N, C-alpha and C. Protein backbone atom coordinates (compact mmCIF):
# COMPACT_ATOMS: atom_id res chain seq x y z
N MET A 1 0.84 -1.19 0.00
CA MET A 1 0.00 0.00 0.00
C MET A 1 0.88 1.25 0.00
N LEU A 2 0.46 2.25 -0.76
CA LEU A 2 1.20 3.50 -0.86
C LEU A 2 0.61 4.51 0.13
N VAL A 3 1.41 4.94 1.08
CA VAL A 3 0.97 5.91 2.09
C VAL A 3 1.88 7.13 2.00
N LEU A 4 1.30 8.25 1.59
CA LEU A 4 2.04 9.49 1.43
C LEU A 4 1.49 10.52 2.41
N SER A 5 2.32 11.48 2.80
CA SER A 5 1.83 12.53 3.68
C SER A 5 2.43 13.87 3.28
N TYR A 6 1.64 14.92 3.52
CA TYR A 6 2.13 16.28 3.36
C TYR A 6 1.72 17.04 4.62
N PRO A 7 2.68 17.38 5.50
CA PRO A 7 2.34 18.14 6.70
C PRO A 7 2.05 19.60 6.34
N ALA A 8 0.84 20.04 6.64
CA ALA A 8 0.47 21.42 6.34
C ALA A 8 1.30 22.39 7.19
N PRO A 9 1.67 23.55 6.65
CA PRO A 9 2.53 24.47 7.38
C PRO A 9 1.98 24.95 8.71
N MET A 10 0.69 25.20 8.80
CA MET A 10 0.11 25.63 10.07
C MET A 10 -0.29 24.43 10.90
N PHE A 11 0.26 24.31 12.08
CA PHE A 11 -0.04 23.23 13.02
C PHE A 11 0.52 21.87 12.60
N ALA A 12 1.25 21.81 11.48
CA ALA A 12 1.89 20.56 11.02
C ALA A 12 0.89 19.40 10.98
N THR A 13 -0.30 19.67 10.47
CA THR A 13 -1.32 18.63 10.34
C THR A 13 -0.96 17.70 9.19
N ASN A 14 -0.99 16.40 9.45
CA ASN A 14 -0.69 15.42 8.40
C ASN A 14 -1.87 15.29 7.44
N CYS A 15 -1.64 15.65 6.18
CA CYS A 15 -2.59 15.31 5.13
C CYS A 15 -2.11 14.00 4.51
N TRP A 16 -2.91 12.96 4.66
CA TRP A 16 -2.53 11.64 4.16
C TRP A 16 -3.14 11.38 2.79
N VAL A 17 -2.36 10.78 1.91
CA VAL A 17 -2.85 10.31 0.61
C VAL A 17 -2.54 8.82 0.55
N ILE A 18 -3.58 8.01 0.41
CA ILE A 18 -3.41 6.55 0.49
C ILE A 18 -3.95 5.91 -0.78
N SER A 19 -3.20 4.96 -1.29
CA SER A 19 -3.55 4.27 -2.53
C SER A 19 -3.00 2.85 -2.49
N PRO A 20 -3.61 1.95 -3.24
CA PRO A 20 -3.03 0.61 -3.34
C PRO A 20 -1.65 0.61 -4.00
N GLY A 21 -1.35 1.63 -4.81
CA GLY A 21 -0.05 1.67 -5.44
C GLY A 21 0.06 2.81 -6.44
N VAL A 22 1.25 3.01 -6.98
CA VAL A 22 1.50 4.06 -7.97
C VAL A 22 0.58 3.86 -9.17
N GLY A 23 0.03 4.96 -9.68
CA GLY A 23 -0.81 4.91 -10.86
C GLY A 23 -2.23 4.45 -10.61
N GLN A 24 -2.64 4.36 -9.34
CA GLN A 24 -3.98 3.87 -9.04
C GLN A 24 -4.82 4.94 -8.35
N GLU A 25 -6.05 4.56 -7.99
CA GLU A 25 -6.94 5.49 -7.30
C GLU A 25 -6.44 5.74 -5.87
N CYS A 26 -6.85 6.86 -5.29
CA CYS A 26 -6.40 7.20 -3.94
C CYS A 26 -7.49 7.94 -3.18
N ILE A 27 -7.29 8.03 -1.87
CA ILE A 27 -8.12 8.87 -1.02
C ILE A 27 -7.24 9.93 -0.37
N ILE A 28 -7.85 11.08 -0.07
CA ILE A 28 -7.16 12.20 0.56
C ILE A 28 -7.77 12.42 1.93
N ILE A 29 -6.94 12.58 2.95
CA ILE A 29 -7.43 12.68 4.32
C ILE A 29 -6.89 13.94 4.99
N ASP A 30 -7.80 14.75 5.51
CA ASP A 30 -7.48 15.92 6.35
C ASP A 30 -6.52 16.92 5.70
N PRO A 31 -6.93 17.55 4.60
CA PRO A 31 -6.08 18.60 4.01
C PRO A 31 -6.19 19.89 4.80
N GLY A 32 -5.07 20.32 5.35
CA GLY A 32 -5.08 21.39 6.35
C GLY A 32 -4.87 22.79 5.82
N MET A 33 -4.18 23.62 6.63
CA MET A 33 -4.10 25.05 6.36
C MET A 33 -2.66 25.55 6.45
N PRO A 34 -2.38 26.67 5.69
CA PRO A 34 -3.27 27.37 4.76
C PRO A 34 -3.61 26.49 3.56
N ASP A 35 -4.06 27.05 2.47
CA ASP A 35 -4.48 26.25 1.32
C ASP A 35 -3.31 25.43 0.78
N ILE A 36 -3.40 24.11 0.96
CA ILE A 36 -2.34 23.22 0.48
C ILE A 36 -2.81 22.40 -0.72
N SER A 37 -3.87 22.86 -1.38
CA SER A 37 -4.40 22.08 -2.49
C SER A 37 -3.39 21.91 -3.62
N SER A 38 -2.58 22.94 -3.89
CA SER A 38 -1.58 22.82 -4.96
C SER A 38 -0.52 21.78 -4.61
N GLU A 39 -0.08 21.78 -3.35
CA GLU A 39 0.95 20.83 -2.92
C GLU A 39 0.42 19.39 -2.95
N VAL A 40 -0.82 19.21 -2.51
CA VAL A 40 -1.41 17.87 -2.55
C VAL A 40 -1.61 17.41 -3.99
N THR A 41 -2.02 18.32 -4.85
CA THR A 41 -2.18 17.99 -6.26
C THR A 41 -0.86 17.57 -6.88
N MET A 42 0.22 18.26 -6.52
CA MET A 42 1.54 17.88 -7.03
C MET A 42 1.93 16.48 -6.57
N LEU A 43 1.60 16.17 -5.32
CA LEU A 43 1.90 14.84 -4.78
C LEU A 43 1.10 13.78 -5.54
N VAL A 44 -0.16 14.06 -5.79
CA VAL A 44 -1.02 13.13 -6.52
C VAL A 44 -0.47 12.91 -7.93
N GLU A 45 -0.07 13.99 -8.58
CA GLU A 45 0.43 13.88 -9.95
C GLU A 45 1.78 13.17 -10.00
N GLU A 46 2.62 13.39 -8.99
CA GLU A 46 3.93 12.74 -8.96
C GLU A 46 3.80 11.22 -8.99
N TYR A 47 2.79 10.70 -8.31
CA TYR A 47 2.60 9.26 -8.24
C TYR A 47 1.49 8.76 -9.17
N LYS A 48 1.04 9.68 -10.07
CA LYS A 48 0.05 9.33 -11.10
C LYS A 48 -1.22 8.72 -10.49
N LEU A 49 -1.70 9.35 -9.44
CA LEU A 49 -2.86 8.85 -8.72
C LEU A 49 -4.14 9.53 -9.19
N LYS A 50 -5.27 8.89 -8.87
CA LYS A 50 -6.58 9.43 -9.20
C LYS A 50 -7.43 9.48 -7.93
N PRO A 51 -7.62 10.67 -7.34
CA PRO A 51 -8.45 10.76 -6.13
C PRO A 51 -9.89 10.36 -6.40
N VAL A 52 -10.46 9.57 -5.47
CA VAL A 52 -11.85 9.15 -5.61
C VAL A 52 -12.70 9.57 -4.41
N ALA A 53 -12.08 9.99 -3.31
CA ALA A 53 -12.83 10.41 -2.12
C ALA A 53 -11.88 11.13 -1.17
N ALA A 54 -12.49 11.91 -0.27
CA ALA A 54 -11.74 12.57 0.80
C ALA A 54 -12.40 12.23 2.13
N LEU A 55 -11.58 12.08 3.17
CA LEU A 55 -12.07 11.82 4.52
C LEU A 55 -11.63 12.96 5.43
N LEU A 56 -12.54 13.35 6.33
CA LEU A 56 -12.21 14.32 7.36
C LEU A 56 -12.40 13.66 8.71
N THR A 57 -11.36 13.65 9.54
CA THR A 57 -11.47 12.99 10.84
C THR A 57 -12.26 13.82 11.84
N HIS A 58 -12.32 15.14 11.63
CA HIS A 58 -13.14 16.01 12.47
C HIS A 58 -13.18 17.39 11.84
N GLY A 59 -13.88 18.33 12.52
CA GLY A 59 -14.18 19.60 11.88
C GLY A 59 -13.23 20.75 12.13
N HIS A 60 -12.10 20.53 12.79
CA HIS A 60 -11.17 21.63 13.02
C HIS A 60 -10.54 22.11 11.71
N LEU A 61 -10.34 23.42 11.62
CA LEU A 61 -9.84 24.01 10.38
C LEU A 61 -8.48 23.48 9.95
N ASP A 62 -7.65 23.10 10.91
CA ASP A 62 -6.34 22.60 10.50
C ASP A 62 -6.45 21.22 9.85
N HIS A 63 -7.66 20.67 9.77
CA HIS A 63 -7.89 19.41 9.07
C HIS A 63 -8.84 19.57 7.88
N THR A 64 -9.53 20.71 7.79
CA THR A 64 -10.55 20.89 6.76
C THR A 64 -10.30 22.05 5.81
N PHE A 65 -9.32 22.89 6.10
CA PHE A 65 -9.18 24.18 5.42
C PHE A 65 -9.12 24.04 3.89
N SER A 66 -8.44 23.02 3.40
CA SER A 66 -8.23 22.90 1.95
C SER A 66 -9.19 21.92 1.28
N ILE A 67 -10.24 21.51 1.99
CA ILE A 67 -11.09 20.47 1.43
C ILE A 67 -11.90 20.94 0.22
N VAL A 68 -12.37 22.19 0.21
CA VAL A 68 -13.20 22.64 -0.90
C VAL A 68 -12.44 22.65 -2.22
N PRO A 69 -11.26 23.28 -2.30
CA PRO A 69 -10.56 23.26 -3.59
C PRO A 69 -10.15 21.86 -4.04
N LEU A 70 -9.82 20.98 -3.09
CA LEU A 70 -9.40 19.63 -3.48
C LEU A 70 -10.60 18.77 -3.88
N ALA A 71 -11.62 18.71 -3.02
CA ALA A 71 -12.77 17.84 -3.32
C ALA A 71 -13.52 18.33 -4.55
N ASP A 72 -13.77 19.62 -4.63
CA ASP A 72 -14.50 20.14 -5.79
C ASP A 72 -13.63 20.14 -7.04
N GLY A 73 -12.33 20.36 -6.85
CA GLY A 73 -11.43 20.32 -8.00
C GLY A 73 -11.37 18.95 -8.66
N TYR A 74 -11.40 17.91 -7.85
CA TYR A 74 -11.39 16.54 -8.38
C TYR A 74 -12.80 15.99 -8.59
N GLY A 75 -13.81 16.70 -8.10
CA GLY A 75 -15.18 16.22 -8.24
C GLY A 75 -15.45 14.96 -7.45
N ILE A 76 -14.94 14.92 -6.20
CA ILE A 76 -15.05 13.71 -5.39
C ILE A 76 -15.87 13.98 -4.13
N PRO A 77 -16.48 12.94 -3.54
CA PRO A 77 -17.22 13.11 -2.29
C PRO A 77 -16.28 13.25 -1.10
N THR A 78 -16.78 13.93 -0.08
CA THR A 78 -16.06 14.09 1.18
C THR A 78 -16.91 13.49 2.29
N TYR A 79 -16.28 12.76 3.21
CA TYR A 79 -16.99 12.10 4.31
C TYR A 79 -16.57 12.70 5.64
N ILE A 80 -17.56 12.99 6.51
CA ILE A 80 -17.30 13.50 7.85
C ILE A 80 -18.43 13.03 8.76
N HIS A 81 -18.15 12.87 10.03
CA HIS A 81 -19.21 12.45 10.96
C HIS A 81 -20.28 13.54 11.04
N SER A 82 -21.52 13.11 11.21
CA SER A 82 -22.64 14.04 11.23
C SER A 82 -22.51 15.11 12.32
N GLU A 83 -21.90 14.76 13.45
CA GLU A 83 -21.77 15.71 14.56
C GLU A 83 -20.87 16.91 14.22
N ASP A 84 -19.93 16.72 13.29
CA ASP A 84 -18.99 17.79 12.95
C ASP A 84 -19.26 18.44 11.60
N ARG A 85 -20.28 17.97 10.89
CA ARG A 85 -20.52 18.49 9.54
C ARG A 85 -20.70 20.01 9.54
N ARG A 86 -21.49 20.53 10.46
CA ARG A 86 -21.83 21.96 10.42
C ARG A 86 -20.62 22.86 10.57
N PHE A 87 -19.55 22.33 11.13
CA PHE A 87 -18.38 23.17 11.38
C PHE A 87 -17.51 23.35 10.14
N VAL A 88 -17.76 22.58 9.10
CA VAL A 88 -16.99 22.77 7.86
C VAL A 88 -17.28 24.15 7.28
N SER A 89 -18.54 24.57 7.33
CA SER A 89 -18.91 25.89 6.82
C SER A 89 -19.05 26.94 7.91
N ASN A 90 -19.04 26.49 9.18
CA ASN A 90 -19.17 27.43 10.31
C ASN A 90 -18.16 27.07 11.40
N PRO A 91 -16.88 27.26 11.12
CA PRO A 91 -15.85 26.80 12.06
C PRO A 91 -15.83 27.56 13.38
N ALA A 92 -16.47 28.71 13.47
CA ALA A 92 -16.46 29.48 14.71
C ALA A 92 -17.04 28.68 15.87
N GLY A 93 -17.94 27.73 15.56
CA GLY A 93 -18.58 26.97 16.61
C GLY A 93 -17.72 25.89 17.24
N ILE A 94 -16.54 25.66 16.70
CA ILE A 94 -15.70 24.56 17.20
C ILE A 94 -14.30 25.03 17.56
N HIS A 95 -14.03 26.33 17.41
CA HIS A 95 -12.71 26.87 17.71
C HIS A 95 -12.79 27.92 18.80
N GLY A 96 -11.68 28.13 19.43
CA GLY A 96 -11.57 29.23 20.37
C GLY A 96 -11.53 30.56 19.64
N PRO A 97 -11.78 31.67 20.34
CA PRO A 97 -11.86 32.99 19.69
C PRO A 97 -10.54 33.46 19.10
N ASP A 98 -9.41 33.00 19.63
CA ASP A 98 -8.12 33.50 19.15
C ASP A 98 -7.89 33.16 17.68
N LEU A 99 -8.14 31.90 17.31
CA LEU A 99 -7.92 31.49 15.92
C LEU A 99 -8.90 32.20 15.00
N MET A 100 -10.15 32.30 15.39
CA MET A 100 -11.13 32.96 14.53
C MET A 100 -10.78 34.43 14.34
N ALA A 101 -10.23 35.06 15.38
CA ALA A 101 -9.83 36.46 15.25
C ALA A 101 -8.71 36.61 14.22
N GLN A 102 -7.79 35.65 14.18
CA GLN A 102 -6.70 35.68 13.21
C GLN A 102 -7.22 35.58 11.78
N LEU A 103 -8.33 34.86 11.60
CA LEU A 103 -8.86 34.61 10.25
C LEU A 103 -9.72 35.77 9.75
N GLY A 104 -10.08 36.68 10.65
CA GLY A 104 -10.84 37.86 10.24
C GLY A 104 -12.20 37.51 9.67
N ASP A 105 -12.51 38.09 8.51
CA ASP A 105 -13.82 37.92 7.88
C ASP A 105 -13.82 36.83 6.82
N MET A 106 -12.92 35.87 6.91
CA MET A 106 -12.85 34.81 5.92
C MET A 106 -14.14 34.00 5.91
N ASN A 107 -14.62 33.68 4.71
CA ASN A 107 -15.84 32.90 4.56
C ASN A 107 -15.52 31.44 4.27
N PHE A 108 -16.36 30.54 4.77
CA PHE A 108 -16.15 29.11 4.56
C PHE A 108 -17.42 28.48 3.99
N SER A 109 -17.24 27.39 3.28
CA SER A 109 -18.39 26.68 2.69
C SER A 109 -18.09 25.19 2.66
N GLU A 110 -19.14 24.41 2.45
CA GLU A 110 -18.98 22.97 2.30
C GLU A 110 -18.53 22.64 0.87
N PRO A 111 -17.81 21.54 0.70
CA PRO A 111 -17.61 21.04 -0.66
C PRO A 111 -18.95 20.63 -1.26
N ASN A 112 -19.01 20.51 -2.57
CA ASN A 112 -20.27 20.23 -3.25
C ASN A 112 -20.92 18.92 -2.81
N ASP A 113 -20.10 17.92 -2.54
CA ASP A 113 -20.63 16.59 -2.18
C ASP A 113 -20.07 16.20 -0.82
N LEU A 114 -20.77 16.60 0.23
CA LEU A 114 -20.34 16.31 1.60
C LEU A 114 -21.31 15.29 2.20
N ARG A 115 -20.79 14.16 2.63
CA ARG A 115 -21.63 13.05 3.09
C ARG A 115 -21.37 12.77 4.56
N GLU A 116 -22.45 12.54 5.31
CA GLU A 116 -22.35 12.31 6.74
C GLU A 116 -22.11 10.83 7.05
N LEU A 117 -21.29 10.62 8.07
CA LEU A 117 -20.98 9.26 8.53
C LEU A 117 -21.54 9.02 9.91
N LYS A 118 -21.82 7.76 10.21
CA LYS A 118 -22.20 7.33 11.55
C LYS A 118 -21.19 6.28 12.02
N ASN A 119 -21.21 5.99 13.31
CA ASN A 119 -20.31 4.97 13.86
C ASN A 119 -20.53 3.62 13.19
N ALA A 120 -19.45 2.94 12.89
CA ALA A 120 -19.42 1.60 12.30
C ALA A 120 -19.85 1.57 10.84
N GLU A 121 -20.07 2.73 10.25
CA GLU A 121 -20.41 2.75 8.82
C GLU A 121 -19.21 2.31 7.99
N VAL A 122 -19.49 1.53 6.96
CA VAL A 122 -18.43 0.99 6.11
C VAL A 122 -18.50 1.65 4.73
N ILE A 123 -17.35 2.08 4.25
CA ILE A 123 -17.23 2.63 2.90
C ILE A 123 -16.26 1.73 2.14
N ASN A 124 -16.66 1.27 1.00
CA ASN A 124 -15.78 0.43 0.19
C ASN A 124 -15.17 1.27 -0.93
N LEU A 125 -13.87 1.51 -0.82
CA LEU A 125 -13.14 2.30 -1.80
C LEU A 125 -11.79 1.64 -2.08
N LEU A 126 -11.33 1.74 -3.28
CA LEU A 126 -9.99 1.27 -3.66
C LEU A 126 -9.81 -0.22 -3.34
N ASP A 127 -10.88 -0.99 -3.41
CA ASP A 127 -10.82 -2.39 -3.00
C ASP A 127 -10.41 -2.53 -1.54
N MET A 128 -10.68 -1.48 -0.76
CA MET A 128 -10.38 -1.49 0.66
C MET A 128 -11.67 -1.28 1.44
N LYS A 129 -11.73 -1.86 2.62
CA LYS A 129 -12.86 -1.66 3.52
C LYS A 129 -12.50 -0.60 4.54
N LEU A 130 -13.16 0.55 4.45
CA LEU A 130 -12.94 1.64 5.39
C LEU A 130 -14.09 1.62 6.39
N THR A 131 -13.76 1.50 7.66
CA THR A 131 -14.77 1.48 8.71
C THR A 131 -14.62 2.71 9.59
N ALA A 132 -15.71 3.45 9.74
CA ALA A 132 -15.70 4.65 10.58
C ALA A 132 -15.89 4.26 12.05
N ILE A 133 -15.06 4.82 12.91
CA ILE A 133 -15.16 4.59 14.35
C ILE A 133 -15.39 5.95 15.02
N HIS A 134 -16.63 6.20 15.46
CA HIS A 134 -16.91 7.46 16.14
C HIS A 134 -16.13 7.49 17.44
N ALA A 135 -15.32 8.54 17.63
CA ALA A 135 -14.39 8.58 18.76
C ALA A 135 -14.39 9.97 19.38
N PRO A 136 -15.50 10.38 20.01
CA PRO A 136 -15.60 11.73 20.56
C PRO A 136 -14.65 11.96 21.72
N GLY A 137 -14.38 13.23 21.96
CA GLY A 137 -13.46 13.61 23.02
C GLY A 137 -12.67 14.84 22.61
N HIS A 138 -11.98 14.74 21.48
CA HIS A 138 -11.28 15.91 20.92
C HIS A 138 -12.33 16.88 20.37
N THR A 139 -13.26 16.36 19.59
CA THR A 139 -14.49 17.05 19.22
C THR A 139 -15.62 16.03 19.34
N ARG A 140 -16.85 16.53 19.29
CA ARG A 140 -17.99 15.62 19.43
C ARG A 140 -18.09 14.65 18.25
N GLY A 141 -17.64 15.08 17.09
CA GLY A 141 -17.75 14.23 15.91
C GLY A 141 -16.44 13.58 15.48
N SER A 142 -15.42 13.61 16.31
CA SER A 142 -14.14 13.00 15.94
C SER A 142 -14.33 11.55 15.52
N THR A 143 -13.66 11.19 14.45
CA THR A 143 -13.82 9.86 13.87
C THR A 143 -12.46 9.29 13.48
N MET A 144 -12.25 8.03 13.80
CA MET A 144 -11.09 7.29 13.31
C MET A 144 -11.58 6.37 12.19
N PHE A 145 -10.66 5.91 11.37
CA PHE A 145 -11.00 5.00 10.28
C PHE A 145 -10.00 3.84 10.27
N THR A 146 -10.51 2.63 10.12
CA THR A 146 -9.63 1.50 9.84
C THR A 146 -9.71 1.17 8.36
N LEU A 147 -8.58 0.84 7.78
CA LEU A 147 -8.49 0.43 6.38
C LEU A 147 -8.04 -1.02 6.33
N ASN A 148 -8.96 -1.90 5.94
CA ASN A 148 -8.65 -3.32 5.79
C ASN A 148 -8.04 -3.92 7.05
N GLU A 149 -8.35 -3.34 8.21
CA GLU A 149 -7.78 -3.83 9.47
C GLU A 149 -6.25 -3.86 9.44
N GLU A 150 -5.67 -3.00 8.61
CA GLU A 150 -4.21 -2.87 8.54
C GLU A 150 -3.74 -1.51 9.04
N ILE A 151 -4.55 -0.48 8.77
CA ILE A 151 -4.18 0.90 9.09
C ILE A 151 -5.28 1.53 9.92
N LEU A 152 -4.89 2.32 10.91
CA LEU A 152 -5.82 3.16 11.65
C LEU A 152 -5.48 4.61 11.37
N ILE A 153 -6.44 5.34 10.81
CA ILE A 153 -6.32 6.79 10.67
C ILE A 153 -6.91 7.37 11.94
N SER A 154 -6.07 7.88 12.82
CA SER A 154 -6.53 8.22 14.16
C SER A 154 -6.90 9.68 14.35
N GLY A 155 -6.65 10.53 13.34
CA GLY A 155 -6.97 11.94 13.49
C GLY A 155 -6.30 12.53 14.72
N ASP A 156 -7.06 13.31 15.48
CA ASP A 156 -6.50 13.91 16.70
C ASP A 156 -6.98 13.18 17.95
N VAL A 157 -7.31 11.90 17.80
CA VAL A 157 -7.65 11.08 18.97
C VAL A 157 -6.39 10.51 19.61
N LEU A 158 -5.56 9.88 18.79
CA LEU A 158 -4.36 9.20 19.28
C LEU A 158 -3.14 9.65 18.50
N PHE A 159 -2.10 10.06 19.24
CA PHE A 159 -0.82 10.42 18.65
C PHE A 159 0.26 9.47 19.18
N ALA A 160 1.43 9.55 18.58
CA ALA A 160 2.57 8.83 19.12
C ALA A 160 2.92 9.43 20.47
N GLY A 161 2.64 8.71 21.54
CA GLY A 161 2.98 9.15 22.88
C GLY A 161 2.00 10.09 23.53
N SER A 162 0.88 10.38 22.87
CA SER A 162 -0.04 11.34 23.46
C SER A 162 -1.45 11.13 22.90
N ILE A 163 -2.36 12.04 23.28
CA ILE A 163 -3.74 12.03 22.77
C ILE A 163 -4.13 13.47 22.45
N GLY A 164 -5.28 13.63 21.81
CA GLY A 164 -5.73 14.96 21.45
C GLY A 164 -6.23 15.76 22.64
N ARG A 165 -6.15 17.08 22.53
CA ARG A 165 -6.62 17.97 23.59
C ARG A 165 -8.15 17.93 23.66
N THR A 166 -8.67 18.27 24.81
CA THR A 166 -10.11 18.19 25.02
C THR A 166 -10.71 19.50 25.51
N ASP A 167 -9.95 20.58 25.44
CA ASP A 167 -10.38 21.83 26.05
C ASP A 167 -11.00 22.82 25.08
N LEU A 168 -11.15 22.45 23.81
CA LEU A 168 -11.79 23.33 22.84
C LEU A 168 -13.29 23.04 22.77
N PRO A 169 -14.09 23.92 22.17
CA PRO A 169 -15.53 23.70 22.10
C PRO A 169 -15.89 22.33 21.54
N THR A 170 -16.83 21.67 22.17
CA THR A 170 -17.34 20.30 21.92
C THR A 170 -16.37 19.22 22.37
N GLY A 171 -15.18 19.59 22.88
CA GLY A 171 -14.27 18.60 23.44
C GLY A 171 -14.74 18.17 24.82
N SER A 172 -14.30 16.98 25.23
CA SER A 172 -14.73 16.45 26.53
C SER A 172 -13.71 15.45 27.03
N ALA A 173 -13.15 15.72 28.21
CA ALA A 173 -12.18 14.79 28.79
C ALA A 173 -12.83 13.45 29.14
N SER A 174 -14.06 13.48 29.60
CA SER A 174 -14.73 12.22 29.96
C SER A 174 -15.05 11.41 28.72
N GLN A 175 -15.46 12.07 27.64
CA GLN A 175 -15.70 11.34 26.39
C GLN A 175 -14.41 10.78 25.81
N MET A 176 -13.32 11.55 25.95
CA MET A 176 -12.04 11.05 25.46
C MET A 176 -11.63 9.80 26.22
N LYS A 177 -11.79 9.82 27.53
CA LYS A 177 -11.46 8.64 28.34
C LYS A 177 -12.28 7.44 27.90
N GLU A 178 -13.57 7.64 27.66
CA GLU A 178 -14.42 6.54 27.22
C GLU A 178 -14.01 6.04 25.84
N THR A 179 -13.64 6.97 24.95
CA THR A 179 -13.16 6.59 23.62
C THR A 179 -11.90 5.74 23.72
N LEU A 180 -10.97 6.15 24.56
CA LEU A 180 -9.72 5.39 24.69
C LEU A 180 -9.98 3.99 25.22
N ILE A 181 -10.89 3.89 26.17
CA ILE A 181 -11.19 2.58 26.78
C ILE A 181 -11.96 1.68 25.82
N LYS A 182 -12.98 2.24 25.18
CA LYS A 182 -13.90 1.41 24.40
C LYS A 182 -13.56 1.32 22.92
N LYS A 183 -12.83 2.31 22.40
CA LYS A 183 -12.58 2.34 20.96
C LYS A 183 -11.12 2.11 20.58
N VAL A 184 -10.19 2.57 21.44
CA VAL A 184 -8.77 2.46 21.09
C VAL A 184 -8.13 1.20 21.68
N LEU A 185 -8.29 1.00 22.98
CA LEU A 185 -7.64 -0.15 23.61
C LEU A 185 -8.04 -1.50 23.03
N PRO A 186 -9.28 -1.69 22.57
CA PRO A 186 -9.63 -2.99 21.97
C PRO A 186 -9.02 -3.25 20.60
N LEU A 187 -8.42 -2.25 19.96
CA LEU A 187 -7.86 -2.44 18.62
C LEU A 187 -6.67 -3.39 18.68
N HIS A 188 -6.45 -4.11 17.59
CA HIS A 188 -5.37 -5.11 17.62
C HIS A 188 -3.99 -4.48 17.45
N ASP A 189 -3.01 -5.12 18.04
CA ASP A 189 -1.66 -4.56 18.17
C ASP A 189 -1.01 -4.19 16.85
N ASP A 190 -1.29 -4.92 15.80
CA ASP A 190 -0.55 -4.75 14.56
C ASP A 190 -1.02 -3.58 13.71
N LEU A 191 -2.07 -2.89 14.14
CA LEU A 191 -2.56 -1.76 13.35
C LEU A 191 -1.49 -0.67 13.24
N ARG A 192 -1.23 -0.24 12.03
CA ARG A 192 -0.36 0.88 11.75
C ARG A 192 -1.17 2.16 11.95
N VAL A 193 -0.71 3.06 12.80
CA VAL A 193 -1.48 4.24 13.16
C VAL A 193 -0.94 5.47 12.43
N LEU A 194 -1.83 6.12 11.68
CA LEU A 194 -1.50 7.36 10.99
C LEU A 194 -2.22 8.50 11.70
N PRO A 195 -1.52 9.27 12.54
CA PRO A 195 -2.19 10.30 13.34
C PRO A 195 -2.33 11.62 12.60
N GLY A 196 -3.12 12.51 13.19
CA GLY A 196 -3.32 13.83 12.59
C GLY A 196 -2.10 14.73 12.70
N HIS A 197 -1.24 14.47 13.67
CA HIS A 197 -0.01 15.24 13.86
C HIS A 197 1.09 14.30 14.31
N GLY A 198 2.31 14.58 13.89
CA GLY A 198 3.44 13.80 14.36
C GLY A 198 3.66 12.51 13.59
N PRO A 199 4.63 11.70 14.06
CA PRO A 199 5.01 10.50 13.33
C PRO A 199 3.99 9.38 13.47
N GLU A 200 4.03 8.46 12.53
CA GLU A 200 3.15 7.29 12.64
C GLU A 200 3.65 6.35 13.73
N THR A 201 2.79 5.47 14.16
CA THR A 201 3.12 4.55 15.24
C THR A 201 2.31 3.28 15.05
N THR A 202 2.22 2.46 16.09
CA THR A 202 1.38 1.26 16.06
C THR A 202 0.60 1.18 17.36
N ILE A 203 -0.49 0.44 17.32
CA ILE A 203 -1.26 0.24 18.54
C ILE A 203 -0.42 -0.49 19.59
N LYS A 204 0.36 -1.45 19.16
CA LYS A 204 1.20 -2.20 20.10
C LYS A 204 2.16 -1.28 20.83
N PHE A 205 2.81 -0.38 20.09
CA PHE A 205 3.77 0.53 20.71
C PHE A 205 3.06 1.48 21.67
N GLU A 206 1.91 2.00 21.25
CA GLU A 206 1.19 2.94 22.12
C GLU A 206 0.64 2.25 23.36
N ARG A 207 0.19 1.04 23.21
CA ARG A 207 -0.34 0.31 24.37
C ARG A 207 0.75 0.16 25.44
N LYS A 208 1.99 -0.02 25.00
CA LYS A 208 3.10 -0.22 25.93
C LYS A 208 3.75 1.08 26.40
N ASN A 209 3.63 2.14 25.60
CA ASN A 209 4.42 3.34 25.88
C ASN A 209 3.63 4.63 26.06
N ASN A 210 2.44 4.69 25.54
CA ASN A 210 1.65 5.92 25.66
C ASN A 210 1.12 6.03 27.09
N PRO A 211 1.49 7.09 27.83
CA PRO A 211 1.10 7.17 29.25
C PRO A 211 -0.41 7.17 29.47
N TYR A 212 -1.16 7.72 28.53
CA TYR A 212 -2.62 7.77 28.66
C TYR A 212 -3.23 6.38 28.54
N LEU A 213 -2.72 5.58 27.61
CA LEU A 213 -3.23 4.22 27.45
C LEU A 213 -2.74 3.32 28.56
N LYS A 214 -1.50 3.51 28.99
CA LYS A 214 -0.96 2.69 30.08
C LYS A 214 -1.75 2.89 31.35
N GLU A 215 -2.12 4.12 31.63
CA GLU A 215 -2.88 4.41 32.85
C GLU A 215 -4.24 3.72 32.81
N LEU A 216 -4.88 3.70 31.65
CA LEU A 216 -6.23 3.14 31.54
C LEU A 216 -6.23 1.62 31.50
N SER A 217 -5.11 1.04 31.09
CA SER A 217 -5.07 -0.42 30.96
C SER A 217 -4.42 -1.10 32.17
N SER A 218 -3.95 -0.30 33.14
CA SER A 218 -3.27 -0.89 34.30
C SER A 218 -4.27 -1.40 35.32
């Protein structure tokens, strides 16, 4: 499997591009900010890929900022959990005032084809089985995805050595704890984890080394 990433300049958010191989169809995940659509397009063209869908792990701007030019430019559907859909076009409801003040009067909109996901919903793309795992805590609609039970796209739920913050609007420390216990810890060790920020890891490594998971499993 071909796994490519482009860390967006603001907040170093990982935009993942995943495909079965060079010259084949691909999915785009969490294109961040500022507008990185040109850089992602160059990456797609370098490997002769054809985007067929985009996934958003949650509604924060550092994961959604470039979705309109990419999704509409390629004419592909975008998937996001129903709880976070409204924030794609109205990000003020999910961010603190400081970031929104920096953005001034900038306007936001949904991509043309935005589709809502629910927990355990399965999407079949690229001959791969993508399963949505609703994982609230960082935001109410935070979602992880498994691909063929080989890869976990963890968004801002699980990082190498850490977890996502819970102090922004719709975040919840108690929901995050429940997510870690019921959604993350049961995952199998061999899953390759592609987080929203930082280096990739595995469930096995995090189970043994991540202080948040160690505390909950002791």
